[in-house]
Amino acid sequence: MTTTEDVMNHLLAEAAPALPARVLADIFDRLIWILRDNGEEIVRVREAWLLGEDERKVEVALEMEEVFPFRDRAAMAKEFDRILARWPRFAPQCERILRDWDKNFEGKPQP
């Protein structure tokens, strides 16, 4: 049986070399809303990609926008610090996600 993770990895591996990461991220964002598990596996794979060492996977995962990549801001900021130490070019994406988190949870209890 093919898993969602298999499909995501296949699409990433077979994507045209010049395809912007944003295009794949958009596909994965859309799949979140149409899959039976409400995107649970996509979110899990995205988090694994962010924790991994594959620059392209990190890039695609950071471009996703439908859900936050981690359940709390502290964990997210910690992982972003690790990512930025290795790939400083991802600073705009990391800053955008943290800014969106802060806007979304300003004055509200965090999950």
Protein backbone atom coordinates (compact mmCIF):
# COMPACT_ATOMS: atom_id res chain seq x y z
CA MET A 1 0.00 0.00 0.00
CA THR A 2 1.28 3.44 -0.92
CA THR A 3 1.31 5.91 1.95
CA THR A 4 0.89 9.66 1.85
CA GLU A 5 4.55 9.91 2.83
CA ASP A 6 5.48 7.75 -0.18
CA VAL A 7 3.48 10.07 -2.46
CA MET A 8 5.07 13.20 -0.98
CA ASN A 9 8.56 11.77 -1.34
CA HIS A 10 7.82 10.64 -4.90
CA LEU A 11 6.50 14.06 -5.94
CA LEU A 12 9.54 15.73 -4.43
CA ALA A 13 11.95 13.31 -6.10
CA GLU A 14 10.28 13.53 -9.51
CA ALA A 15 9.62 17.28 -9.57
CA ALA A 16 11.25 19.28 -12.32
CA PRO A 17 14.56 20.63 -11.01
CA ALA A 18 13.55 24.27 -11.50
CA LEU A 19 10.12 23.86 -9.91
CA PRO A 20 9.78 26.37 -7.07
CA ALA A 21 9.33 24.84 -3.62
CA ARG A 22 6.17 26.94 -3.27
CA VAL A 23 4.43 24.86 -5.97
CA LEU A 24 4.93 21.56 -4.13
CA ALA A 25 4.05 23.22 -0.83
CA ASP A 26 0.78 24.41 -2.35
CA ILE A 27 -0.05 20.88 -3.50
CA PHE A 28 0.62 19.48 -0.03
CA ASP A 29 -1.39 22.29 1.58
CA ARG A 30 -4.37 21.46 -0.63
CA LEU A 31 -4.09 17.74 0.12
CA ILE A 32 -4.46 18.49 3.84
CA TRP A 33 -8.09 19.41 3.22
CA ILE A 34 -9.05 16.53 0.93
CA LEU A 35 -7.56 13.48 2.60
CA ARG A 36 -9.60 11.27 4.89
CA ASP A 37 -7.22 11.80 7.82
CA ASN A 38 -7.58 15.62 7.57
CA GLY A 39 -3.93 15.89 6.58
CA GLU A 40 -2.59 14.25 9.73
CA GLU A 41 0.04 12.26 7.84
CA ILE A 42 1.04 15.27 5.76
CA VAL A 43 1.57 17.29 8.92
CA ARG A 44 3.61 14.45 10.43
CA VAL A 45 5.77 14.14 7.29
CA ARG A 46 6.25 17.91 7.18
CA GLU A 47 7.50 17.93 10.75
CA ALA A 48 9.89 15.05 9.97
CA TRP A 49 11.18 16.96 6.95
CA LEU A 50 11.82 20.02 9.11
CA LEU A 51 13.72 17.89 11.62
CA GLY A 52 15.76 16.24 8.86
CA GLU A 53 18.85 17.11 6.90
CA ASP A 54 17.47 17.33 3.34
CA GLU A 55 17.58 20.98 2.30
CA ARG A 56 14.91 20.62 -0.39
CA LYS A 57 12.49 18.94 2.02
CA VAL A 58 13.07 21.68 4.57
CA GLU A 59 12.47 24.30 1.89
CA VAL A 60 9.16 22.77 0.79
CA ALA A 61 8.02 22.25 4.39
CA LEU A 62 8.75 25.90 5.24
CA GLU A 63 6.70 27.08 2.26
CA MET A 64 3.56 25.29 3.46
CA GLU A 65 1.00 27.66 4.96
CA GLU A 66 -2.22 25.83 5.87
CA VAL A 67 -1.17 24.68 9.33
CA PHE A 68 1.68 25.49 11.68
CA PRO A 69 4.56 23.03 11.54
CA PHE A 70 4.77 22.42 15.31
CA ARG A 71 2.27 22.41 18.16
CA ASP A 72 3.97 25.10 20.22
CA ARG A 73 6.00 28.19 19.50
CA ALA A 74 8.98 27.27 21.66
CA ALA A 75 9.55 23.99 19.84
CA MET A 76 9.09 25.72 16.51
CA ALA A 77 11.55 28.50 17.37
CA LYS A 78 14.11 25.95 18.59
CA GLU A 79 13.92 23.97 15.35
CA PHE A 80 14.03 27.12 13.26
CA ASP A 81 17.23 28.15 15.09
CA ARG A 82 18.74 24.79 14.15
CA ILE A 83 17.60 25.16 10.54
CA LEU A 84 18.94 28.71 10.29
CA ALA A 85 22.32 27.69 11.70
CA ARG A 86 22.65 25.35 8.74
CA TRP A 87 20.71 27.25 6.05
CA PRO A 88 20.50 30.99 6.82
CA ARG A 89 18.67 31.59 3.53
CA PHE A 90 15.48 30.26 5.15
CA ALA A 91 15.28 33.20 7.57
CA PRO A 92 12.39 34.92 5.73
CA GLN A 93 10.24 31.78 5.79
CA CYS A 94 10.98 31.08 9.48
CA GLU A 95 10.27 34.69 10.44
CA ARG A 96 6.99 34.65 8.48
CA ILE A 97 5.79 31.52 10.25
CA LEU A 98 6.68 32.88 13.69
CA ARG A 99 5.01 36.21 12.87
CA ASP A 100 1.87 34.38 11.71
CA TRP A 101 1.89 32.31 14.92
CA ASP A 102 2.15 35.46 17.03
CA LYS A 103 -0.69 37.15 15.13
CA ASN A 104 -2.87 34.06 15.42
CA PHE A 105 -2.31 33.52 19.14
CA GLU A 106 -1.88 37.13 20.34
CA GLY A 107 -3.68 37.40 23.67
CA LYS A 108 -5.01 33.84 23.41
CA PRO A 109 -3.91 30.70 25.20
CA GLN A 110 -1.61 28.69 22.98
CA PRO A 111 -2.45 25.09 22.10
